[in-house]
Amino acid sequence: MTSARIDLIHELVSSAAADVPGRAAVIGADGAKVTFAEFDRQVESVAAWVGERTKRGDRVAVIADNSASYARLYYGVPRSGRILTLVNQRLSAAEQIGQLSAAEPRLLLGDARYLDALPAVARETPAVREVVTFDDPSWHRAVHEPASSSEPVDPDDPAWLLFTSGSTGPPKGVLHTNRSVTTAVRGTVAGRSVRPGGVYLLPFPMCHVAGYNMLVHHHARSTVLPVASFRADEFAAAVLAHGVTSCSLAPTMLHSLLAHMAATETQLPTLRDVSYGSAAIPADLLRRALDRLDADFHQGYGMTETGGNVTFLGPAEHRAGVDADPSILASAGRPHDEAEVRIAGTGPVGEIMIRGRQVAAAYWPSLEPVTVDGWLPTGDVGRVDAEGRLVVVDRIKDVVITGGENVSSREVEDMLSAHPDVDQVAVVGVADEYWGEAICAVVVVRAGSAPTADDLVTHVRANLTAFKRPRHVLFVAALPLTSNGKVAKDAVRALARAALSGRVG
């Protein structure tokens, strides 16, 4: 694998094409493989095609499921000097039009099933001059016709415009440069010790920052299999069909996969690396995963504004967390060499601040910097443990202030997750006339279990101080999730407010 430093997104592909031209870069939905040499040519062709239709600095938006065509845009649009705008295909048409109105793209690409649902897009977003679906002959020419010469691009040119997931508030546009994205890629390859070669399965929507994992694995000369959605049975079938060696999963996805494997007695012998993020992993879930999968586990902590992960918790620490010290699993590991992490304030617990070249350039469309005095305020509360690992305590927004006391929702969630009858749980604060906020636990119980609210409250009181006990417990069939597998806390709060309306706290 080449050791040359890469600061341009498209060079992740061209360098791999120089090293391993005949290796598959991407596997399409139909199982067709595209070699790195072919993929590199396609990226150049897409860049030239985009360049003919737009001017430098224009936004080029995409609304689509994960696919090989989406992968070509990841590289081809930045290669053209234009800004790839990633719009969540799972949003409502009105929400999509809102993001398009903010981005003002000149060219809109994607799957017909989504673009056809936007019949008024040209009227609602006047900047759009052309709409092209992936089954249009024009797109076929974009991918397969020989490229004309492309314009030079700079590491500090804007490259991607992503929108935050909206799990804790309205989505915000985040503008990344070639340099910020490639720094995030380099940091992950080193921090996670990504093995070269193999086949990586990407189940997260490519409109989210988690899609950068495709670049990570292309940098490691791996084949990438992007899939349109996550279903445990389809995921397992894809692993078996393509000899998948690594993947990314949210803990909620891992939970579903293990349940499917247990029910069907499925084995996944080729899978050797599983990465996860968005939440710490409960010790019981990790223990079951290690028993069922012969794989190493990796955690990363990052966000849209960092273009990928900043800190990493490795396989040895995961096994130590299961075997000896479960508190290790509450941590998100240590930062890679190109990023700095500090805790704001004078005490051991405070807001997590991040500095490094992978931090985004600005918010869109205001173009206000995402940093304050060079540091990114993450909105997360954390601390650093005695071993130098970052421990994410909670989102600032998810700290419940009840009776004047600050309570981390995650601490209560972790305690409830340890109850044998609890499958999944989300804890939120709800308005309360007496307490200011009251703790509400929204719980999914394990199949065949029927705990009462009193059972769960008693469990918390036996292990945590009294003011941290839930004053409300709601039982639901499933927790609302964002499209990248996170628990949608705003939706949980709305659910709790609706369910508790009229109750006396």
Protein backbone atom coordinates (compact mmCIF):
# COMPACT_ATOMS: atom_id res chain seq x y z
CA MET A 1 0.00 0.00 0.00
CA THR A 2 1.37 3.40 -0.94
CA SER A 3 2.73 5.55 1.87
CA ALA A 4 2.31 8.85 0.01
CA ARG A 5 0.19 11.43 1.79
CA ILE A 6 -3.20 11.96 0.17
CA ASP A 7 -5.00 15.29 0.59
CA LEU A 8 -7.49 15.03 -2.30
CA ILE A 9 -10.52 12.76 -2.08
CA HIS A 10 -10.29 11.36 -5.63
CA GLU A 11 -6.63 10.39 -5.10
CA LEU A 12 -7.78 7.71 -2.66
CA VAL A 13 -9.07 5.90 -5.74
CA SER A 14 -6.32 6.79 -8.20
CA SER A 15 -3.60 5.67 -5.78
CA ALA A 16 -5.39 2.35 -5.21
CA ALA A 17 -5.80 1.94 -8.98
CA ALA A 18 -2.02 2.35 -9.34
CA ASP A 19 -1.35 -0.25 -6.64
CA VAL A 20 -4.06 -2.88 -7.21
CA PRO A 21 -5.73 -2.10 -10.57
CA GLY A 22 -7.41 -5.49 -10.92
CA ARG A 23 -8.88 -5.65 -7.41
CA ALA A 24 -12.59 -4.90 -7.05
CA ALA A 25 -13.25 -1.43 -5.69
CA VAL A 26 -17.05 -1.65 -5.48
CA ILE A 27 -19.65 -4.40 -5.71
CA GLY A 28 -22.94 -3.26 -7.20
CA ALA A 29 -26.45 -4.24 -6.14
CA ASP A 30 -26.51 -6.85 -8.91
CA GLY A 31 -23.27 -8.38 -7.67
CA ALA A 32 -21.20 -6.88 -10.51
CA LYS A 33 -17.67 -5.92 -9.50
CA VAL A 34 -15.90 -2.78 -10.67
CA THR A 35 -12.10 -2.91 -10.45
CA PHE A 36 -10.09 -0.02 -9.04
CA ALA A 37 -8.74 0.72 -12.53
CA GLU A 38 -12.28 0.87 -13.96
CA PHE A 39 -13.59 2.83 -11.01
CA ASP A 40 -10.79 5.40 -11.31
CA ARG A 41 -11.68 5.93 -14.99
CA GLN A 42 -15.35 6.28 -14.07
CA VAL A 43 -14.56 8.88 -11.40
CA GLU A 44 -12.66 10.93 -13.97
CA SER A 45 -15.53 10.59 -16.46
CA VAL A 46 -18.10 11.70 -13.88
CA ALA A 47 -15.90 14.67 -12.93
CA ALA A 48 -15.67 15.79 -16.55
CA TRP A 49 -19.43 15.31 -17.11
CA VAL A 50 -20.26 17.34 -13.97
CA GLY A 51 -17.78 20.01 -15.04
CA GLU A 52 -19.54 20.45 -18.38
CA ARG A 53 -22.86 21.19 -16.65
CA THR A 54 -21.80 23.35 -13.73
CA LYS A 55 -19.27 25.92 -12.69
CA ARG A 56 -16.60 25.70 -10.02
CA GLY A 57 -18.02 25.86 -6.51
CA ASP A 58 -21.55 24.82 -7.58
CA ARG A 59 -23.40 22.33 -5.46
CA VAL A 60 -24.33 18.96 -6.98
CA ALA A 61 -27.01 17.22 -4.91
CA VAL A 62 -27.79 13.52 -4.68
CA ILE A 63 -30.87 11.77 -3.28
CA ALA A 64 -30.40 8.01 -3.52
CA ASP A 65 -29.91 4.71 -1.78
CA ASN A 66 -26.38 3.35 -1.39
CA SER A 67 -25.07 2.13 -4.74
CA ALA A 68 -22.05 2.05 -7.03
CA SER A 69 -23.36 5.20 -8.73
CA TYR A 70 -23.51 6.99 -5.39
CA ALA A 71 -19.91 5.88 -4.77
CA ARG A 72 -18.82 7.43 -8.08
CA LEU A 73 -20.30 10.76 -7.01
CA TYR A 74 -18.46 10.62 -3.66
CA TYR A 75 -15.21 10.99 -5.60
CA GLY A 76 -16.23 12.44 -8.95
CA VAL A 77 -17.95 15.61 -7.74
CA PRO A 78 -15.03 16.80 -5.55
CA ARG A 79 -12.70 15.84 -8.43
CA SER A 80 -14.57 18.38 -10.57
CA GLY A 81 -14.12 21.19 -8.05
CA ARG A 82 -17.84 21.12 -7.22
CA ILE A 83 -19.48 20.41 -3.86
CA LEU A 84 -21.33 17.11 -3.39
CA THR A 85 -24.50 17.80 -1.40
CA LEU A 86 -25.79 14.71 0.40
CA VAL A 87 -29.56 14.81 0.95
CA ASN A 88 -31.18 12.14 3.13
CA GLN A 89 -33.40 9.99 0.93
CA ARG A 90 -35.52 8.97 3.93
CA LEU A 91 -36.73 12.47 4.71
CA SER A 92 -40.12 13.71 3.59
CA ALA A 93 -40.30 15.57 0.29
CA ALA A 94 -40.85 18.83 2.20
CA GLU A 95 -37.71 18.22 4.31
CA GLN A 96 -35.69 17.35 1.22
CA ILE A 97 -36.83 20.51 -0.52
CA GLY A 98 -35.79 22.45 2.60
CA GLN A 99 -32.26 21.07 2.36
CA LEU A 100 -32.14 21.65 -1.39
CA SER A 101 -33.33 25.23 -0.87
CA ALA A 102 -30.50 25.77 1.61
CA ALA A 103 -27.86 24.23 -0.67
CA GLU A 104 -29.12 25.71 -3.97
CA PRO A 105 -27.62 22.94 -6.12
CA ARG A 106 -27.34 23.48 -9.86
CA LEU A 107 -27.52 19.75 -10.65
CA LEU A 108 -29.66 17.11 -8.90
CA LEU A 109 -28.92 13.40 -9.28
CA GLY A 110 -30.23 10.19 -7.79
CA ASP A 111 -32.70 7.35 -7.86
CA ALA A 112 -35.85 7.91 -9.88
CA ARG A 113 -38.03 6.68 -7.02
CA TYR A 114 -36.93 9.68 -4.93
CA LEU A 115 -36.57 12.32 -7.62
CA ASP A 116 -39.99 11.49 -9.05
CA ALA A 117 -41.45 12.32 -5.64
CA LEU A 118 -40.17 15.89 -6.07
CA PRO A 119 -42.26 17.12 -9.00
CA ALA A 120 -42.01 20.73 -7.88
CA VAL A 121 -38.29 20.69 -7.18
CA ALA A 122 -37.42 23.13 -9.99
CA ARG A 123 -40.04 25.58 -8.74
CA GLU A 124 -39.23 25.12 -5.06
CA THR A 125 -35.45 25.35 -5.56
CA PRO A 126 -34.85 27.73 -8.50
CA ALA A 127 -31.10 27.06 -8.57
CA VAL A 128 -31.64 23.54 -9.96
CA ARG A 129 -31.10 23.57 -13.72
CA GLU A 130 -30.96 19.85 -14.45
CA VAL A 131 -32.35 16.68 -12.84
CA VAL A 132 -30.77 13.34 -13.87
CA THR A 133 -31.70 9.90 -12.57
CA PHE A 134 -29.25 7.00 -12.39
CA ASP A 135 -31.24 5.14 -15.07
CA ASP A 136 -31.07 8.08 -17.50
CA PRO A 137 -28.92 7.61 -20.66
CA SER A 138 -27.14 10.85 -19.74
CA TRP A 139 -25.85 9.27 -16.52
CA HIS A 140 -24.73 6.17 -18.42
CA ARG A 141 -22.65 8.45 -20.65
CA ALA A 142 -21.30 10.25 -17.58
CA VAL A 143 -19.96 6.99 -16.20
CA HIS A 144 -18.73 5.26 -19.34
CA GLU A 145 -17.64 7.88 -21.90
CA PRO A 146 -13.93 8.74 -21.94
CA ALA A 147 -13.16 11.76 -19.79
CA SER A 148 -11.88 15.02 -21.12
CA SER A 149 -9.25 16.80 -19.05
CA SER A 150 -10.39 17.78 -15.55
CA GLU A 151 -9.72 21.03 -13.74
CA PRO A 152 -7.06 21.01 -11.00
CA VAL A 153 -8.39 20.95 -7.44
CA ASP A 154 -6.85 22.05 -4.16
CA PRO A 155 -6.90 20.31 -0.76
CA ASP A 156 -8.72 23.30 0.74
CA ASP A 157 -11.45 23.37 -1.92
CA PRO A 158 -14.94 22.63 -0.53
CA ALA A 159 -15.85 19.03 -1.35
CA TRP A 160 -18.85 17.72 0.60
CA LEU A 161 -21.92 19.38 2.10
CA LEU A 162 -23.55 17.06 4.64
CA PHE A 163 -26.47 17.62 6.95
CA THR A 164 -26.36 16.54 10.60
CA SER A 165 -28.59 13.59 11.46
CA GLY A 166 -31.09 15.67 13.41
CA SER A 167 -31.12 13.18 16.30
CA THR A 168 -30.99 16.05 18.84
CA GLY A 169 -32.30 19.01 16.84
CA PRO A 170 -32.88 20.40 13.33
CA PRO A 171 -30.30 19.24 10.74
CA LYS A 172 -27.48 21.69 10.00
CA GLY A 173 -25.44 21.93 6.82
CA VAL A 174 -21.75 21.15 7.36
CA LEU A 175 -19.17 22.04 4.70
CA HIS A 176 -16.08 19.83 4.40
CA THR A 177 -12.97 20.30 2.28
CA ASN A 178 -10.85 17.68 0.53
CA ARG A 179 -8.30 18.09 3.31
CA SER A 180 -10.74 17.66 6.20
CA VAL A 181 -12.20 14.49 4.70
CA THR A 182 -8.87 12.89 3.84
CA THR A 183 -7.51 13.75 7.30
CA ALA A 184 -10.46 11.93 8.85
CA VAL A 185 -9.79 8.96 6.56
CA ARG A 186 -6.08 8.83 7.46
CA GLY A 187 -6.85 9.14 11.16
CA THR A 188 -9.28 6.23 11.04
CA VAL A 189 -6.98 3.98 9.03
CA ALA A 190 -4.29 4.51 11.67
CA GLY A 191 -6.44 4.79 14.79
CA ARG A 192 -8.51 1.71 14.01
CA SER A 193 -5.55 -0.19 12.51
CA VAL A 194 -7.63 -1.01 9.44
CA ARG A 195 -6.42 -4.21 7.81
CA PRO A 196 -5.59 -3.97 4.10
CA GLY A 197 -7.61 -5.86 1.54
CA GLY A 198 -10.77 -7.81 2.26
CA VAL A 199 -14.41 -6.86 1.67
CA TYR A 200 -16.14 -4.11 3.66
CA LEU A 201 -19.95 -3.96 3.90
CA LEU A 202 -21.43 -0.47 4.34
CA PRO A 203 -25.02 -0.53 5.69
CA PHE A 204 -25.23 3.10 6.83
CA PRO A 205 -26.85 5.56 4.40
CA MET A 206 -24.17 7.31 2.38
CA CYS A 207 -25.92 10.64 2.97
CA HIS A 208 -24.51 10.45 6.53
CA VAL A 209 -20.96 11.04 7.64
CA ALA A 210 -20.62 7.28 8.31
CA GLY A 211 -20.28 6.91 4.55
CA TYR A 212 -16.68 8.08 4.90
CA ASN A 213 -15.94 4.47 5.86
CA MET A 214 -16.03 3.67 2.15
CA LEU A 215 -13.07 6.02 1.68
CA VAL A 216 -11.32 4.48 4.69
CA HIS A 217 -11.51 1.03 3.16
CA HIS A 218 -10.61 2.17 -0.33
CA HIS A 219 -7.51 3.76 1.24
CA ALA A 220 -6.79 0.29 2.68
CA ARG A 221 -7.28 -1.24 -0.81
CA SER A 222 -10.43 -3.09 0.26
CA THR A 223 -13.50 -3.88 -1.82
CA VAL A 224 -16.62 -2.00 -0.67
CA LEU A 225 -20.14 -3.42 -0.80
CA PRO A 226 -22.66 -0.59 -0.24
CA VAL A 227 -26.15 -1.87 0.61
CA ALA A 228 -29.37 0.12 0.39
CA SER A 229 -30.66 -0.65 3.88
CA PHE A 230 -30.06 -2.83 6.91
CA ARG A 231 -32.08 -5.96 7.55
CA ALA A 232 -30.43 -8.64 9.63
CA ASP A 233 -31.32 -11.51 7.26
CA GLU A 234 -30.17 -9.61 4.16
CA PHE A 235 -27.01 -8.47 5.92
CA ALA A 236 -26.09 -12.04 6.89
CA ALA A 237 -26.82 -13.28 3.37
CA ALA A 238 -24.56 -10.57 1.88
CA VAL A 239 -21.71 -11.50 4.25
CA LEU A 240 -21.95 -15.13 3.18
CA ALA A 241 -22.35 -14.38 -0.55
CA HIS A 242 -19.41 -11.97 -0.83
CA GLY A 243 -17.02 -13.19 1.88
CA VAL A 244 -17.36 -9.93 3.82
CA THR A 245 -14.48 -9.44 6.26
CA SER A 246 -15.41 -6.13 7.91
CA CYS A 247 -18.46 -3.96 8.50
CA SER A 248 -19.85 -1.06 10.49
CA LEU A 249 -22.91 -1.50 12.70
CA ALA A 250 -24.77 0.56 15.25
CA PRO A 251 -25.39 -1.35 18.51
CA THR A 252 -29.08 -1.58 17.56
CA MET A 253 -28.11 -3.25 14.27
CA LEU A 254 -25.74 -5.64 16.04
CA HIS A 255 -28.54 -6.60 18.41
CA SER A 256 -30.82 -7.49 15.48
CA LEU A 257 -28.06 -9.42 13.71
CA LEU A 258 -27.31 -11.55 16.77
CA ALA A 259 -31.00 -12.34 17.24
CA HIS A 260 -31.22 -13.45 13.60
CA MET A 261 -28.09 -15.59 13.86
CA ALA A 262 -29.39 -17.27 17.00
CA ALA A 263 -32.82 -17.94 15.52
CA THR A 264 -31.44 -19.35 12.25
CA GLU A 265 -28.20 -20.89 13.58
CA THR A 266 -26.31 -18.81 11.02
CA GLN A 267 -22.52 -18.57 11.18
CA LEU A 268 -20.49 -15.75 9.58
CA PRO A 269 -16.95 -17.19 9.51
CA THR A 270 -15.37 -14.59 7.21
CA LEU A 271 -16.33 -11.58 9.36
CA ARG A 272 -13.27 -10.52 11.34
CA ASP A 273 -13.74 -6.78 12.14
CA VAL A 274 -16.87 -5.02 13.39
CA SER A 275 -16.85 -1.27 13.96
CA TYR A 276 -19.59 0.62 15.73
CA GLY A 277 -20.36 4.11 16.89
CA SER A 278 -23.25 6.38 17.91
CA ALA A 279 -23.45 4.81 21.38
CA ALA A 280 -21.39 2.80 23.85
CA ILE A 281 -22.01 -0.94 23.68
CA PRO A 282 -23.62 -2.68 26.68
CA ALA A 283 -21.33 -5.35 28.14
CA ASP A 284 -23.98 -8.05 27.74
CA LEU A 285 -24.45 -7.26 24.03
CA LEU A 286 -20.69 -7.32 23.44
CA ARG A 287 -20.36 -10.60 25.34
CA ARG A 288 -23.02 -12.21 23.15
CA ALA A 289 -21.37 -10.77 20.04
CA LEU A 290 -17.95 -12.15 20.96
CA ASP A 291 -19.53 -15.54 21.63
CA ARG A 292 -21.34 -15.60 18.30
CA LEU A 293 -18.79 -13.85 16.02
CA ASP A 294 -15.10 -14.62 15.68
CA ALA A 295 -14.38 -10.94 15.14
CA ASP A 296 -12.54 -7.99 16.64
CA PHE A 297 -14.62 -5.03 17.79
CA HIS A 298 -13.73 -1.36 17.29
CA GLN A 299 -15.49 1.74 18.54
CA GLY A 300 -15.14 5.26 17.19
CA TYR A 301 -16.33 8.65 18.37
CA GLY A 302 -16.93 11.47 15.94
CA MET A 303 -19.66 13.54 14.30
CA THR A 304 -20.64 15.20 11.06
CA GLU A 305 -18.46 18.21 11.87
CA THR A 306 -15.36 16.00 12.18
CA GLY A 307 -15.93 14.14 8.92
CA GLY A 308 -15.47 10.83 10.73
CA ASN A 309 -14.14 9.44 13.97
CA VAL A 310 -11.62 11.17 16.21
CA THR A 311 -11.10 8.63 19.01
CA PHE A 312 -10.84 4.85 18.88
CA LEU A 313 -11.32 1.94 21.28
CA GLY A 314 -9.60 -1.21 20.05
CA PRO A 315 -10.18 -4.98 20.21
CA ALA A 316 -7.94 -5.64 23.25
CA GLU A 317 -9.82 -3.01 25.27
CA HIS A 318 -13.16 -4.52 24.25
CA ARG A 319 -12.08 -7.94 25.47
CA ALA A 320 -10.71 -6.47 28.69
CA GLY A 321 -14.01 -4.68 29.16
CA VAL A 322 -15.90 -7.96 28.95
CA ASP A 323 -13.43 -10.06 30.92
CA ALA A 324 -12.24 -7.74 33.67
CA ASP A 325 -13.39 -4.12 33.71
CA PRO A 326 -16.78 -3.20 32.17
CA SER A 327 -16.07 0.50 32.76
CA ILE A 328 -13.69 0.39 29.77
CA LEU A 329 -16.70 -0.09 27.50
CA ALA A 330 -18.10 3.25 28.62
CA SER A 331 -15.13 4.95 26.98
CA ALA A 332 -14.64 5.92 23.35
CA GLY A 333 -10.89 5.37 23.36
CA ARG A 334 -8.03 7.71 22.52
CA PRO A 335 -7.61 10.27 19.71
CA HIS A 336 -5.55 9.53 16.62
CA ASP A 337 -2.31 11.45 16.05
CA GLU A 338 -3.82 14.21 13.90
CA ALA A 339 -6.56 15.23 16.36
CA GLU A 340 -6.68 16.76 19.83
CA VAL A 341 -9.40 16.36 22.44
CA ARG A 342 -9.84 18.39 25.62
CA ILE A 343 -12.52 18.91 28.25
CA ALA A 344 -13.75 22.50 28.61
CA GLY A 345 -13.94 24.08 32.06
CA THR A 346 -11.99 23.56 35.24
CA GLY A 347 -13.52 20.32 36.50
CA PRO A 348 -13.00 16.73 35.35
CA VAL A 349 -16.37 16.74 33.51
CA GLY A 350 -17.25 19.29 30.84
CA GLU A 351 -17.99 19.80 27.17
CA ILE A 352 -15.81 17.79 24.79
CA MET A 353 -13.78 20.04 22.49
CA ILE A 354 -11.97 18.84 19.34
CA ARG A 355 -9.20 20.40 17.26
CA GLY A 356 -7.60 19.14 14.06
CA ARG A 357 -7.53 19.39 10.30
CA GLN A 358 -10.46 17.00 9.96
CA VAL A 359 -12.84 19.54 11.52
CA ALA A 360 -15.20 21.01 8.90
CA ALA A 361 -14.62 24.42 7.39
CA ALA A 362 -17.99 26.02 8.13
CA TYR A 363 -21.72 25.67 8.57
CA TRP A 364 -23.90 26.16 5.51
CA PRO A 365 -25.30 28.49 4.27
CA SER A 366 -24.08 31.01 6.86
CA LEU A 367 -20.41 30.01 6.32
CA GLU A 368 -19.86 30.64 10.03
CA PRO A 369 -16.88 28.65 11.38
CA VAL A 370 -17.73 25.48 13.27
CA THR A 371 -14.90 26.22 15.70
CA VAL A 372 -14.48 28.71 18.53
CA ASP A 373 -10.86 29.82 18.98
CA GLY A 374 -9.85 26.83 16.89
CA TRP A 375 -11.82 24.25 18.89
CA LEU A 376 -15.07 22.49 17.92
CA PRO A 377 -17.65 22.51 20.74
CA THR A 378 -19.24 19.08 20.33
CA GLY A 379 -22.35 19.49 22.45
CA ASP A 380 -21.28 16.33 24.33
CA VAL A 381 -20.36 16.16 27.99
CA GLY A 382 -17.34 14.00 28.79
CA ARG A 383 -14.26 13.31 30.85
CA VAL A 384 -10.89 11.63 30.40
CA ASP A 385 -10.24 8.51 32.49
CA ALA A 386 -7.02 7.57 34.25
CA GLU A 387 -5.78 5.72 31.15
CA GLY A 388 -6.28 8.73 28.87
CA ARG A 389 -9.44 7.43 27.25
CA LEU A 390 -12.33 9.74 26.43
CA VAL A 391 -15.57 8.91 28.24
CA VAL A 392 -18.67 10.46 26.67
CA VAL A 393 -21.06 11.08 29.55
CA ASP A 394 -24.01 12.39 27.54
CA ARG A 395 -25.26 14.99 25.14
CA ILE A 396 -25.58 18.36 26.89
CA LYS A 397 -29.19 18.29 25.76
CA ASP A 398 -29.69 14.85 27.35
CA VAL A 399 -28.66 15.88 30.84
CA VAL A 400 -31.88 15.90 32.86
CA ILE A 401 -32.03 18.60 35.54
CA THR A 402 -34.42 17.26 38.16
CA GLY A 403 -34.91 18.99 41.49
CA GLY A 404 -31.75 21.01 40.80
CA GLU A 405 -29.63 17.89 40.27
CA ASN A 406 -27.96 17.05 36.95
CA VAL A 407 -28.59 13.46 35.87
CA SER A 408 -27.01 11.86 32.80
CA SER A 409 -29.63 10.01 30.79
CA ARG A 410 -26.91 7.60 29.67
CA GLU A 411 -26.10 6.59 33.24
CA VAL A 412 -29.73 5.66 33.86
CA GLU A 413 -29.94 3.94 30.47
CA ASP A 414 -26.86 1.85 31.27
CA MET A 415 -28.35 0.80 34.59
CA LEU A 416 -31.69 -0.16 33.05
CA SER A 417 -29.92 -2.02 30.22
CA ALA A 418 -28.33 -4.23 32.87
CA HIS A 419 -31.79 -5.46 33.97
CA PRO A 420 -32.38 -8.95 32.52
CA ASP A 421 -35.86 -8.06 31.23
CA VAL A 422 -34.81 -4.92 29.35
CA ASP A 423 -33.95 -5.18 25.67
CA GLN A 424 -33.52 -1.49 24.76
CA VAL A 425 -34.10 1.77 26.62
CA ALA A 426 -33.97 5.51 26.09
CA VAL A 427 -34.13 8.00 28.95
CA VAL A 428 -35.33 11.58 28.50
CA GLY A 429 -36.43 14.50 30.66
CA VAL A 430 -40.06 15.56 30.64
CA ALA A 431 -41.52 18.76 32.08
CA ASP A 432 -42.67 18.49 35.68
CA GLU A 433 -44.28 21.27 37.75
CA TYR A 434 -42.60 20.19 40.98
CA TRP A 435 -39.22 18.81 39.85
CA GLY A 436 -38.67 21.06 36.82
CA GLU A 437 -37.87 17.95 34.81
CA ALA A 438 -38.69 14.35 35.63
CA ILE A 439 -36.79 11.31 34.39
CA CYS A 440 -38.78 9.19 31.93
CA ALA A 441 -37.57 5.76 30.77
CA VAL A 442 -38.95 4.48 27.46
CA VAL A 443 -38.38 0.73 27.45
CA VAL A 444 -38.51 -2.19 25.02
CA VAL A 445 -38.65 -5.45 27.00
CA ARG A 446 -37.05 -8.73 26.06
CA ALA A 447 -39.27 -11.27 24.32
CA GLY A 448 -41.16 -13.35 26.88
CA SER A 449 -40.55 -10.85 29.72
CA ALA A 450 -43.13 -8.67 31.44
CA PRO A 451 -41.47 -6.44 34.03
CA THR A 452 -43.53 -3.79 35.75
CA ALA A 453 -42.57 -0.16 36.05
CA ASP A 454 -41.99 -0.72 39.77
CA ASP A 455 -39.57 -3.56 38.99
CA LEU A 456 -37.40 -1.27 36.88
CA VAL A 457 -37.57 1.70 39.25
CA THR A 458 -36.59 -0.56 42.14
CA HIS A 459 -33.63 -1.84 40.12
CA VAL A 460 -32.38 1.71 39.51
CA ARG A 461 -32.88 2.76 43.14
CA ALA A 462 -30.90 -0.26 44.31
CA ASN A 463 -27.90 0.82 42.24
CA LEU A 464 -28.08 4.62 41.87
CA THR A 465 -28.91 7.46 44.18
CA ALA A 466 -32.63 8.07 44.68
CA PHE A 467 -32.98 11.25 42.59
CA LYS A 468 -31.75 9.34 39.51
CA ARG A 469 -34.71 6.97 39.51
CA PRO A 470 -37.25 7.24 36.67
CA ARG A 471 -40.50 8.87 37.73
CA HIS A 472 -42.17 7.58 34.58
CA VAL A 473 -41.67 4.29 32.73
CA LEU A 474 -43.24 3.78 29.31
CA PHE A 475 -43.24 0.41 27.54
CA VAL A 476 -43.07 0.50 23.72
CA ALA A 477 -42.66 -2.06 20.95
CA ALA A 478 -39.65 -0.27 19.42
CA LEU A 479 -37.61 2.88 19.89
CA PRO A 480 -37.65 5.49 17.13
CA LEU A 481 -34.35 5.53 15.26
CA THR A 482 -32.62 7.84 12.82
CA SER A 483 -31.62 6.39 9.46
CA ASN A 484 -28.08 5.69 10.72
CA GLY A 485 -29.27 3.61 13.65
CA LYS A 486 -29.13 6.16 16.45
CA VAL A 487 -31.96 6.49 18.90
CA ALA A 488 -33.86 9.62 17.83
CA LYS A 489 -34.00 11.39 21.17
CA ASP A 490 -36.19 14.23 19.91
CA ALA A 491 -38.72 11.65 18.72
CA VAL A 492 -38.49 9.85 22.07
CA ARG A 493 -39.19 13.13 23.88
CA ALA A 494 -42.20 13.78 21.67
CA LEU A 495 -43.46 10.25 22.28
CA ALA A 496 -43.04 10.67 26.04
CA ARG A 497 -44.78 14.05 26.08
CA ALA A 498 -47.72 12.63 24.13
CA ALA A 499 -48.00 9.52 26.31
CA LEU A 500 -47.77 11.47 29.57
CA SER A 501 -50.12 14.25 28.56
CA GLY A 502 -52.66 14.67 31.33
CA ARG A 503 -50.79 12.50 33.83
CA VAL A 504 -49.77 13.80 37.23
CA GLY A 505 -46.01 13.51 37.80
